[in-house]
Amino acid sequence: MSVVDQLKRLYPSITINKLGFDNHTEYKWFQTENAEIVGIKKDELDQQSSELLSIFLKPLSSEESTMTEREKHWSSFLYKNDNPQDMVWPVSFRFVLFSIEDAEAEKDIVKEALQSLFPQEMPLLWTSDREGFIIEEISSKDQEIMEFKGMTDVLSSDFYTDIHFFISEFTSTQEDASKILKWAQHGAGIAKEHKLGSIITYKDIIPYLYIEALPEEEWEHIRRSIFKDIEKDKELLQTIRIFLESGSNTSLAAKKLYMHRNSLQYRVDKFVEKTGLDIKQFQGAVITYLALLHMEY
């Protein structure tokens, strides 16, 4: 007699993957040694019987019980360093981390919306009630790579809440997966701390790594020796930042600032005079841009 048959004598409501794993309101779900998914109505369970069942059955969270086989494989590999023998690896892959402001958003609806962005179903794993990541798998050289530009506006209007993405680099080496995921999670934290925007890639956070690594005492020396005379001139600093982010293109920066080119040039000259940094030269531009990011932070 199987374990399930024995349990039926104690729990008449027991079901084997019949109502769907998403019914967590009425049922508590378990996995047997034979990988069968069984559900028992919660009103037939008390704390003692739940703990007893957990000794020889694996309790399943709502996320675990709704996982596809592909998601289970990825979860085992990333978190348990267990490489399933029957897992077919993609040509390359990357991690697309997401976070949602509204903690009450229904996960199944969020997952369905995120999956609709891709031409085919991708593994999606949750890490909290509001955060998780998609593994964008590339199965062939002809497969289209997802472009996320503009997607956050569409999704935010659907969910009535803000959503943020952090996108890692692609890799074809499975041994790098855990390291890249950890690096992406660190990068997403930096992006959130600095409020960098709704779609951020691993490249966007690199300047902030230098900023965070700079000891405060060293920054004080830089501020005092170079930026002391202009650090309160917010308008000038904003002008210089936009100038640098425009590739030091005076015409483009002036257009963004709704300013005449001569007025912009005057502010650039003023900055050079006050700091001694020639921001039209590469070295001066790099030093200034990192300093401006630090001052903003």
C-alpha atoms as a PDB file:
ATOM      1  CA  MET A   1       0.000   0.000   0.000  1.00  0.00           C
ATOM      2  CA  SER A   2       1.412   3.380  -1.007  1.00  0.00           C
ATOM      3  CA  VAL A   3       1.894   6.320   1.321  1.00  0.00           C
ATOM      4  CA  VAL A   4      -0.980   8.154  -0.342  1.00  0.00           C
ATOM      5  CA  ASP A   5      -3.323   5.182   0.151  1.00  0.00           C
ATOM      6  CA  GLN A   6      -2.434   5.080   3.829  1.00  0.00           C
ATOM      7  CA  LEU A   7      -3.010   8.819   4.192  1.00  0.00           C
ATOM      8  CA  LYS A   8      -6.455   8.534   2.598  1.00  0.00           C
ATOM      9  CA  ARG A   9      -7.614   6.625   5.681  1.00  0.00           C
ATOM     10  CA  LEU A  10      -6.696   9.604   7.884  1.00  0.00           C
ATOM     11  CA  TYR A  11      -7.452  12.462   5.503  1.00  0.00           C
ATOM     12  CA  PRO A  12     -10.447  11.821   3.204  1.00  0.00           C
ATOM     13  CA  SER A  13      -9.866  15.128   1.408  1.00  0.00           C
ATOM     14  CA  ILE A  14      -6.444  14.127   0.101  1.00  0.00           C
ATOM     15  CA  THR A  15      -5.988  14.833  -3.591  1.00  0.00           C
ATOM     16  CA  ILE A  16      -3.184  14.144  -6.039  1.00  0.00           C
ATOM     17  CA  ASN A  17      -2.622  17.124  -8.284  1.00  0.00           C
ATOM     18  CA  LYS A  18      -6.300  17.439  -9.178  1.00  0.00           C
ATOM     19  CA  LEU A  19      -7.333  20.881  -7.994  1.00  0.00           C
ATOM     20  CA  GLY A  20      -4.182  22.581  -9.145  1.00  0.00           C
ATOM     21  CA  PHE A  21      -1.302  23.672  -6.980  1.00  0.00           C
ATOM     22  CA  ASP A  22      -2.571  27.242  -6.804  1.00  0.00           C
ATOM     23  CA  ASN A  23      -5.347  26.274  -4.359  1.00  0.00           C
ATOM     24  CA  HIS A  24      -3.472  27.250  -1.193  1.00  0.00           C
ATOM     25  CA  THR A  25      -6.498  28.756   0.508  1.00  0.00           C
ATOM     26  CA  GLU A  26      -8.119  25.388   1.229  1.00  0.00           C
ATOM     27  CA  TYR A  27      -5.235  22.934   0.826  1.00  0.00           C
ATOM     28  CA  LYS A  28      -1.769  22.372   2.247  1.00  0.00           C
ATOM     29  CA  TRP A  29       0.529  20.708  -0.260  1.00  0.00           C
ATOM     30  CA  PHE A  30       3.243  18.071   0.187  1.00  0.00           C
ATOM     31  CA  GLN A  31       5.625  16.107  -2.018  1.00  0.00           C
ATOM     32  CA  THR A  32       6.229  12.376  -1.530  1.00  0.00           C
ATOM     33  CA  GLU A  33       9.507  10.499  -2.060  1.00  0.00           C
ATOM     34  CA  ASN A  34       8.140   9.470  -5.470  1.00  0.00           C
ATOM     35  CA  ALA A  35       7.731  13.155  -6.408  1.00  0.00           C
ATOM     36  CA  GLU A  36       3.928  12.939  -6.196  1.00  0.00           C
ATOM     37  CA  ILE A  37       2.243  16.215  -5.214  1.00  0.00           C
ATOM     38  CA  VAL A  38      -0.554  15.672  -2.686  1.00  0.00           C
ATOM     39  CA  GLY A  39      -2.898  18.155  -1.060  1.00  0.00           C
ATOM     40  CA  ILE A  40      -4.829  17.866   2.196  1.00  0.00           C
ATOM     41  CA  LYS A  41      -7.556  20.258   3.273  1.00  0.00           C
ATOM     42  CA  LYS A  42      -6.351  22.585   5.996  1.00  0.00           C
ATOM     43  CA  ASP A  43      -9.439  22.017   8.135  1.00  0.00           C
ATOM     44  CA  GLU A  44      -8.347  18.374   8.506  1.00  0.00           C
ATOM     45  CA  LEU A  45      -4.909  19.376   9.784  1.00  0.00           C
ATOM     46  CA  ASP A  46      -3.798  20.798  13.105  1.00  0.00           C
ATOM     47  CA  GLN A  47      -0.260  21.923  13.954  1.00  0.00           C
ATOM     48  CA  GLN A  48       0.715  18.547  15.419  1.00  0.00           C
ATOM     49  CA  SER A  49      -0.432  16.536  12.407  1.00  0.00           C
ATOM     50  CA  SER A  50       1.231  19.026  10.009  1.00  0.00           C
ATOM     51  CA  GLU A  51       4.527  18.621  11.851  1.00  0.00           C
ATOM     52  CA  LEU A  52       4.151  14.835  11.807  1.00  0.00           C
ATOM     53  CA  LEU A  53       3.465  14.777   8.067  1.00  0.00           C
ATOM     54  CA  SER A  54       6.500  16.994   7.483  1.00  0.00           C
ATOM     55  CA  ILE A  55       8.738  14.219   8.818  1.00  0.00           C
ATOM     56  CA  PHE A  56       8.137  11.931   5.831  1.00  0.00           C
ATOM     57  CA  LEU A  57       6.608  14.394   3.328  1.00  0.00           C
ATOM     58  CA  LYS A  58       8.166  17.598   2.031  1.00  0.00           C
ATOM     59  CA  PRO A  59       5.916  20.629   2.681  1.00  0.00           C
ATOM     60  CA  LEU A  60       5.602  22.801  -0.409  1.00  0.00           C
ATOM     61  CA  SER A  61       5.334  26.562  -0.398  1.00  0.00           C
ATOM     62  CA  SER A  62       3.025  28.228  -2.901  1.00  0.00           C
ATOM     63  CA  GLU A  63       6.038  29.042  -5.101  1.00  0.00           C
ATOM     64  CA  GLU A  64       7.464  25.514  -5.024  1.00  0.00           C
ATOM     65  CA  SER A  65       4.160  23.849  -5.759  1.00  0.00           C
ATOM     66  CA  THR A  66       3.503  25.977  -8.844  1.00  0.00           C
ATOM     67  CA  MET A  67       6.982  25.590 -10.312  1.00  0.00           C
ATOM     68  CA  THR A  68       7.413  24.090 -13.734  1.00  0.00           C
ATOM     69  CA  GLU A  69       9.924  21.271 -14.109  1.00  0.00           C
ATOM     70  CA  ARG A  70      12.311  23.746 -15.706  1.00  0.00           C
ATOM     71  CA  GLU A  71      12.004  26.109 -12.735  1.00  0.00           C
ATOM     72  CA  LYS A  72      12.597  23.232 -10.299  1.00  0.00           C
ATOM     73  CA  HIS A  73      15.757  22.306 -12.187  1.00  0.00           C
ATOM     74  CA  TRP A  74      17.053  25.871 -12.050  1.00  0.00           C
ATOM     75  CA  SER A  75      16.153  26.206  -8.378  1.00  0.00           C
ATOM     76  CA  SER A  76      18.027  23.015  -7.504  1.00  0.00           C
ATOM     77  CA  PHE A  77      21.045  24.104  -9.512  1.00  0.00           C
ATOM     78  CA  LEU A  78      21.246  27.668  -8.176  1.00  0.00           C
ATOM     79  CA  TYR A  79      20.424  27.045  -4.540  1.00  0.00           C
ATOM     80  CA  LYS A  80      21.518  23.460  -3.916  1.00  0.00           C
ATOM     81  CA  ASN A  81      24.338  23.142  -6.473  1.00  0.00           C
ATOM     82  CA  ASP A  82      22.494  20.109  -7.809  1.00  0.00           C
ATOM     83  CA  ASN A  83      22.755  19.684 -11.574  1.00  0.00           C
ATOM     84  CA  PRO A  84      19.765  17.623 -12.772  1.00  0.00           C
ATOM     85  CA  GLN A  85      20.873  14.950 -15.205  1.00  0.00           C
ATOM     86  CA  ASP A  86      17.957  15.493 -17.581  1.00  0.00           C
ATOM     87  CA  MET A  87      18.335  19.271 -17.774  1.00  0.00           C
ATOM     88  CA  VAL A  88      19.024  20.571 -21.270  1.00  0.00           C
ATOM     89  CA  TRP A  89      21.112  23.714 -21.016  1.00  0.00           C
ATOM     90  CA  PRO A  90      20.413  26.733 -23.228  1.00  0.00           C
ATOM     91  CA  VAL A  91      23.002  28.161 -25.599  1.00  0.00           C
ATOM     92  CA  SER A  92      23.232  31.190 -23.301  1.00  0.00           C
ATOM     93  CA  PHE A  93      21.197  32.849 -20.583  1.00  0.00           C
ATOM     94  CA  ARG A  94      20.956  35.899 -18.360  1.00  0.00           C
ATOM     95  CA  PHE A  95      19.069  36.889 -15.230  1.00  0.00           C
ATOM     96  CA  VAL A  96      16.354  39.535 -15.339  1.00  0.00           C
ATOM     97  CA  LEU A  97      15.658  40.589 -11.763  1.00  0.00           C
ATOM     98  CA  PHE A  98      12.362  42.326 -11.038  1.00  0.00           C
ATOM     99  CA  SER A  99      10.830  44.066  -8.042  1.00  0.00           C
ATOM    100  CA  ILE A 100       7.288  45.321  -7.567  1.00  0.00           C
ATOM    101  CA  GLU A 101       6.344  48.145  -5.218  1.00  0.00           C
ATOM    102  CA  ASP A 102       2.944  46.677  -4.299  1.00  0.00           C
ATOM    103  CA  ALA A 103       3.405  43.694  -1.984  1.00  0.00           C
ATOM    104  CA  GLU A 104      -0.242  42.696  -2.453  1.00  0.00           C
ATOM    105  CA  ALA A 105       0.006  42.141  -6.203  1.00  0.00           C
ATOM    106  CA  GLU A 106      -1.117  38.597  -7.055  1.00  0.00           C
ATOM    107  CA  LYS A 107       1.890  36.510  -8.032  1.00  0.00           C
ATOM    108  CA  ASP A 108       0.129  34.427 -10.645  1.00  0.00           C
ATOM    109  CA  ILE A 109      -1.072  37.561 -12.437  1.00  0.00           C
ATOM    110  CA  VAL A 110       2.384  39.149 -12.234  1.00  0.00           C
ATOM    111  CA  LYS A 111       4.005  35.988 -13.549  1.00  0.00           C
ATOM    112  CA  GLU A 112       1.570  35.752 -16.443  1.00  0.00           C
ATOM    113  CA  ALA A 113       2.217  39.384 -17.400  1.00  0.00           C
ATOM    114  CA  LEU A 114       5.996  38.976 -17.243  1.00  0.00           C
ATOM    115  CA  GLN A 115       5.888  35.763 -19.261  1.00  0.00           C
ATOM    116  CA  SER A 116       3.879  37.534 -21.962  1.00  0.00           C
ATOM    117  CA  LEU A 117       6.907  39.728 -22.663  1.00  0.00           C
ATOM    118  CA  PHE A 118       8.869  36.793 -24.067  1.00  0.00           C
ATOM    119  CA  PRO A 119       8.316  34.803 -27.268  1.00  0.00           C
ATOM    120  CA  GLN A 120       8.336  31.585 -25.236  1.00  0.00           C
ATOM    121  CA  GLU A 121       7.955  30.581 -21.591  1.00  0.00           C
ATOM    122  CA  MET A 122      10.973  31.385 -19.426  1.00  0.00           C
ATOM    123  CA  PRO A 123      11.793  30.049 -15.941  1.00  0.00           C
ATOM    124  CA  LEU A 124      10.695  32.484 -13.214  1.00  0.00           C
ATOM    125  CA  LEU A 125      11.678  32.142  -9.560  1.00  0.00           C
ATOM    126  CA  TRP A 126      10.406  34.267  -6.672  1.00  0.00           C
ATOM    127  CA  THR A 127      12.777  35.372  -3.903  1.00  0.00           C
ATOM    128  CA  SER A 128      10.182  37.276  -1.825  1.00  0.00           C
ATOM    129  CA  ASP A 129       6.606  38.516  -2.025  1.00  0.00           C
ATOM    130  CA  ARG A 130       7.704  41.404  -4.253  1.00  0.00           C
ATOM    131  CA  GLU A 131      10.922  40.233  -5.895  1.00  0.00           C
ATOM    132  CA  GLY A 132      12.165  37.494  -8.145  1.00  0.00           C
ATOM    133  CA  PHE A 133      14.032  36.834 -11.369  1.00  0.00           C
ATOM    134  CA  ILE A 134      13.430  35.514 -14.849  1.00  0.00           C
ATOM    135  CA  ILE A 135      16.049  33.370 -16.531  1.00  0.00           C
ATOM    136  CA  GLU A 136      16.065  34.499 -20.144  1.00  0.00           C
ATOM    137  CA  GLU A 137      17.208  31.400 -22.002  1.00  0.00           C
ATOM    138  CA  ILE A 138      18.537  31.619 -25.549  1.00  0.00           C
ATOM    139  CA  SER A 139      18.049  28.295 -27.304  1.00  0.00           C
ATOM    140  CA  SER A 140      19.353  29.236 -30.753  1.00  0.00           C
ATOM    141  CA  LYS A 141      21.383  31.930 -32.467  1.00  0.00           C
ATOM    142  CA  ASP A 142      18.267  33.104 -34.303  1.00  0.00           C
ATOM    143  CA  GLN A 143      16.252  33.693 -31.128  1.00  0.00           C
ATOM    144  CA  GLU A 144      15.312  37.310 -30.491  1.00  0.00           C
ATOM    145  CA  ILE A 145      16.783  38.914 -27.373  1.00  0.00           C
ATOM    146  CA  MET A 146      14.262  40.733 -25.235  1.00  0.00           C
ATOM    147  CA  GLU A 147      14.348  44.536 -25.302  1.00  0.00           C
ATOM    148  CA  PHE A 148      12.889  45.994 -22.109  1.00  0.00           C
ATOM    149  CA  LYS A 149      12.736  49.642 -23.125  1.00  0.00           C
ATOM    150  CA  GLY A 150       9.244  50.969 -22.524  1.00  0.00           C
ATOM    151  CA  MET A 151       8.027  47.745 -20.916  1.00  0.00           C
ATOM    152  CA  THR A 152       7.903  49.163 -17.386  1.00  0.00           C
ATOM    153  CA  ASP A 153       5.352  51.805 -18.400  1.00  0.00           C
ATOM    154  CA  VAL A 154       3.041  49.149 -19.820  1.00  0.00           C
ATOM    155  CA  LEU A 155       3.399  46.827 -16.842  1.00  0.00           C
ATOM    156  CA  SER A 156       3.060  49.624 -14.288  1.00  0.00           C
ATOM    157  CA  SER A 157      -0.225  50.714 -15.864  1.00  0.00           C
ATOM    158  CA  ASP A 158      -1.464  47.103 -15.738  1.00  0.00           C
ATOM    159  CA  PHE A 159      -0.534  46.578 -12.076  1.00  0.00           C
ATOM    160  CA  TYR A 160      -1.128  50.158 -10.906  1.00  0.00           C
ATOM    161  CA  THR A 161       2.272  50.034  -9.224  1.00  0.00           C
ATOM    162  CA  ASP A 162       5.911  50.610 -10.161  1.00  0.00           C
ATOM    163  CA  ILE A 163       8.070  47.743 -11.386  1.00  0.00           C
ATOM    164  CA  HIS A 164      11.865  47.749 -11.719  1.00  0.00           C
ATOM    165  CA  PHE A 165      14.201  45.508 -13.708  1.00  0.00           C
ATOM    166  CA  PHE A 166      17.900  44.782 -13.294  1.00  0.00           C
ATOM    167  CA  ILE A 167      19.463  42.871 -16.207  1.00  0.00           C
ATOM    168  CA  SER A 168      22.646  40.826 -15.914  1.00  0.00           C
ATOM    169  CA  GLU A 169      25.094  39.931 -18.654  1.00  0.00           C
ATOM    170  CA  PHE A 170      24.637  36.830 -20.818  1.00  0.00           C
ATOM    171  CA  THR A 171      26.744  33.759 -20.192  1.00  0.00           C
ATOM    172  CA  SER A 172      27.040  30.361 -21.825  1.00  0.00           C
ATOM    173  CA  THR A 173      28.928  28.849 -18.887  1.00  0.00           C
ATOM    174  CA  GLN A 174      26.636  27.135 -16.400  1.00  0.00           C
ATOM    175  CA  GLU A 175      29.309  27.174 -13.696  1.00  0.00           C
ATOM    176  CA  ASP A 176      29.083  30.986 -13.671  1.00  0.00           C
ATOM    177  CA  ALA A 177      25.334  31.057 -13.074  1.00  0.00           C
ATOM    178  CA  SER A 178      25.319  31.342  -9.270  1.00  0.00           C
ATOM    179  CA  LYS A 179      28.083  33.962  -9.284  1.00  0.00           C
ATOM    180  CA  ILE A 180      26.304  36.059 -11.903  1.00  0.00           C
ATOM    181  CA  LEU A 181      22.994  35.832 -10.039  1.00  0.00           C
ATOM    182  CA  LYS A 182      24.669  36.945  -6.798  1.00  0.00           C
ATOM    183  CA  TRP A 183      26.398  39.797  -8.644  1.00  0.00           C
ATOM    184  CA  ALA A 184      23.091  40.842 -10.235  1.00  0.00           C
ATOM    185  CA  GLN A 185      21.339  40.854  -6.858  1.00  0.00           C
ATOM    186  CA  HIS A 186      24.097  43.066  -5.477  1.00  0.00           C
ATOM    187  CA  GLY A 187      23.785  45.343  -8.500  1.00  0.00           C
ATOM    188  CA  ALA A 188      20.014  45.557  -8.116  1.00  0.00           C
ATOM    189  CA  GLY A 189      20.551  46.656  -4.521  1.00  0.00           C
ATOM    190  CA  ILE A 190      22.893  49.439  -5.666  1.00  0.00           C
ATOM    191  CA  ALA A 191      20.408  50.532  -8.341  1.00  0.00           C
ATOM    192  CA  LYS A 192      17.637  50.691  -5.752  1.00  0.00           C
ATOM    193  CA  GLU A 193      19.768  52.588  -3.247  1.00  0.00           C
ATOM    194  CA  HIS A 194      20.756  55.219  -5.809  1.00  0.00           C
ATOM    195  CA  LYS A 195      17.286  55.285  -7.459  1.00  0.00           C
ATOM    196  CA  LEU A 196      18.829  54.783 -10.881  1.00  0.00           C
ATOM    197  CA  GLY A 197      15.639  54.061 -12.777  1.00  0.00           C
ATOM    198  CA  SER A 198      13.214  51.355 -13.798  1.00  0.00           C
ATOM    199  CA  ILE A 199      15.440  49.434 -16.257  1.00  0.00           C
ATOM    200  CA  ILE A 200      19.069  49.088 -15.177  1.00  0.00           C
ATOM    201  CA  THR A 201      21.813  46.847 -16.552  1.00  0.00           C
ATOM    202  CA  TYR A 202      25.025  45.603 -15.014  1.00  0.00           C
ATOM    203  CA  LYS A 203      26.929  48.292 -16.942  1.00  0.00           C
ATOM    204  CA  ASP A 204      24.932  51.142 -15.399  1.00  0.00           C
ATOM    205  CA  ILE A 205      26.085  50.462 -11.850  1.00  0.00           C
ATOM    206  CA  ILE A 206      29.829  50.336 -12.536  1.00  0.00           C
ATOM    207  CA  PRO A 207      30.477  54.031 -11.690  1.00  0.00           C
ATOM    208  CA  TYR A 208      28.657  53.548  -8.383  1.00  0.00           C
ATOM    209  CA  LEU A 209      30.953  50.682  -7.436  1.00  0.00           C
ATOM    210  CA  TYR A 210      33.851  53.132  -7.509  1.00  0.00           C
ATOM    211  CA  ILE A 211      31.855  55.630  -5.479  1.00  0.00           C
ATOM    212  CA  GLU A 212      30.973  53.118  -2.781  1.00  0.00           C
ATOM    213  CA  ALA A 213      34.568  51.914  -2.587  1.00  0.00           C
ATOM    214  CA  LEU A 214      35.874  55.464  -1.952  1.00  0.00           C
ATOM    215  CA  PRO A 215      36.523  56.040   1.772  1.00  0.00           C
ATOM    216  CA  GLU A 216      34.662  59.061   3.140  1.00  0.00           C
ATOM    217  CA  GLU A 217      37.894  60.634   4.364  1.00  0.00           C
ATOM    218  CA  GLU A 218      39.329  60.557   0.844  1.00  0.00           C
ATOM    219  CA  TRP A 219      36.150  62.104  -0.558  1.00  0.00           C
ATOM    220  CA  GLU A 220      36.396  64.946   1.947  1.00  0.00           C
ATOM    221  CA  HIS A 221      39.891  65.749   0.645  1.00  0.00           C
ATOM    222  CA  ILE A 222      38.578  65.787  -2.934  1.00  0.00           C
ATOM    223  CA  ARG A 223      35.572  67.925  -2.044  1.00  0.00           C
ATOM    224  CA  ARG A 224      37.636  70.439  -0.082  1.00  0.00           C
ATOM    225  CA  SER A 225      40.464  70.750  -2.591  1.00  0.00           C
ATOM    226  CA  ILE A 226      38.444  70.839  -5.827  1.00  0.00           C
ATOM    227  CA  PHE A 227      34.692  71.325  -5.381  1.00  0.00           C
ATOM    228  CA  LYS A 228      34.422  73.498  -2.282  1.00  0.00           C
ATOM    229  CA  ASP A 229      33.681  76.714  -4.204  1.00  0.00           C
ATOM    230  CA  ILE A 230      30.892  75.250  -6.357  1.00  0.00           C
ATOM    231  CA  GLU A 231      29.306  72.413  -4.367  1.00  0.00           C
ATOM    232  CA  LYS A 232      26.327  74.614  -3.418  1.00  0.00           C
ATOM    233  CA  ASP A 233      25.762  75.814  -6.984  1.00  0.00           C
ATOM    234  CA  LYS A 234      23.203  73.125  -7.868  1.00  0.00           C
ATOM    235  CA  GLU A 235      22.302  74.702 -11.198  1.00  0.00           C
ATOM    236  CA  LEU A 236      25.928  74.705 -12.356  1.00  0.00           C
ATOM    237  CA  LEU A 237      26.481  71.102 -11.223  1.00  0.00           C
ATOM    238  CA  GLN A 238      23.326  69.920 -13.008  1.00  0.00           C
ATOM    239  CA  THR A 239      24.452  71.688 -16.185  1.00  0.00           C
ATOM    240  CA  ILE A 240      27.862  70.016 -16.084  1.00  0.00           C
ATOM    241  CA  ARG A 241      26.357  66.598 -15.453  1.00  0.00           C
ATOM    242  CA  ILE A 242      24.018  66.862 -18.447  1.00  0.00           C
ATOM    243  CA  PHE A 243      26.919  68.166 -20.539  1.00  0.00           C
ATOM    244  CA  LEU A 244      28.986  65.083 -19.658  1.00  0.00           C
ATOM    245  CA  GLU A 245      26.062  62.692 -20.112  1.00  0.00           C
ATOM    246  CA  SER A 246      25.595  64.204 -23.569  1.00  0.00           C
ATOM    247  CA  GLY A 247      29.083  63.090 -24.538  1.00  0.00           C
ATOM    248  CA  SER A 248      30.465  66.620 -23.988  1.00  0.00           C
ATOM    249  CA  ASN A 249      28.396  67.676 -27.006  1.00  0.00           C
ATOM    250  CA  THR A 250      27.557  71.349 -26.438  1.00  0.00           C
ATOM    251  CA  SER A 251      24.691  71.476 -28.948  1.00  0.00           C
ATOM    252  CA  LEU A 252      23.013  68.343 -27.586  1.00  0.00           C
ATOM    253  CA  ALA A 253      23.400  69.416 -23.954  1.00  0.00           C
ATOM    254  CA  ALA A 254      22.075  72.914 -24.699  1.00  0.00           C
ATOM    255  CA  LYS A 255      19.028  71.363 -26.360  1.00  0.00           C
ATOM    256  CA  LYS A 256      18.334  69.153 -23.337  1.00  0.00           C
ATOM    257  CA  LEU A 257      18.694  72.149 -21.018  1.00  0.00           C
ATOM    258  CA  TYR A 258      16.639  74.482 -23.245  1.00  0.00           C
ATOM    259  CA  MET A 259      19.627  76.801 -23.185  1.00  0.00           C
ATOM    260  CA  HIS A 260      21.607  78.754 -25.771  1.00  0.00           C
ATOM    261  CA  ARG A 261      24.960  77.200 -26.674  1.00  0.00           C
ATOM    262  CA  ASN A 262      26.815  80.323 -25.555  1.00  0.00           C
ATOM    263  CA  SER A 263      25.163  80.218 -22.117  1.00  0.00           C
ATOM    264  CA  LEU A 264      26.121  76.577 -21.735  1.00  0.00           C
ATOM    265  CA  GLN A 265      29.680  77.301 -22.824  1.00  0.00           C
ATOM    266  CA  TYR A 266      29.871  80.079 -20.234  1.00  0.00           C
ATOM    267  CA  ARG A 267      28.912  77.632 -17.458  1.00  0.00           C
ATOM    268  CA  VAL A 268      31.420  75.057 -18.667  1.00  0.00           C
ATOM    269  CA  ASP A 269      34.172  77.684 -18.646  1.00  0.00           C
ATOM    270  CA  LYS A 270      33.100  78.785 -15.186  1.00  0.00           C
ATOM    271  CA  PHE A 271      33.335  75.226 -13.893  1.00  0.00           C
ATOM    272  CA  VAL A 272      36.808  74.751 -15.385  1.00  0.00           C
ATOM    273  CA  GLU A 273      37.964  78.021 -13.852  1.00  0.00           C
ATOM    274  CA  LYS A 274      36.603  77.213 -10.375  1.00  0.00           C
ATOM    275  CA  THR A 275      37.852  73.610 -10.184  1.00  0.00           C
ATOM    276  CA  GLY A 276      40.878  73.469 -12.429  1.00  0.00           C
ATOM    277  CA  LEU A 277      39.403  70.367 -14.114  1.00  0.00           C
ATOM    278  CA  ASP A 278      39.211  70.489 -17.896  1.00  0.00           C
ATOM    279  CA  ILE A 279      36.043  68.498 -18.489  1.00  0.00           C
ATOM    280  CA  LYS A 280      36.570  68.608 -22.251  1.00  0.00           C
ATOM    281  CA  GLN A 281      39.465  66.221 -21.730  1.00  0.00           C
ATOM    282  CA  PHE A 282      38.874  62.555 -20.883  1.00  0.00           C
ATOM    283  CA  GLN A 283      40.615  62.539 -17.499  1.00  0.00           C
ATOM    284  CA  GLY A 284      38.868  65.666 -16.274  1.00  0.00           C
ATOM    285  CA  ALA A 285      35.513  64.389 -17.487  1.00  0.00           C
ATOM    286  CA  VAL A 286      35.858  61.042 -15.678  1.00  0.00           C
ATOM    287  CA  ILE A 287      36.943  62.643 -12.394  1.00  0.00           C
ATOM    288  CA  THR A 288      34.146  65.183 -12.557  1.00  0.00           C
ATOM    289  CA  TYR A 289      31.401  62.736 -13.435  1.00  0.00           C
ATOM    290  CA  LEU A 290      32.259  60.367 -10.578  1.00  0.00           C
ATOM    291  CA  ALA A 291      32.429  63.320  -8.194  1.00  0.00           C
ATOM    292  CA  LEU A 292      29.022  64.565  -9.333  1.00  0.00           C
ATOM    293  CA  LEU A 293      27.500  61.144  -8.755  1.00  0.00           C
ATOM    294  CA  HIS A 294      29.042  61.070  -5.277  1.00  0.00           C
ATOM    295  CA  MET A 295      27.714  64.550  -4.440  1.00  0.00           C
ATOM    296  CA  GLU A 296      24.252  63.552  -5.565  1.00  0.00           C
ATOM    297  CA  TYR A 297      24.451  60.379  -3.471  1.00  0.00           C
END
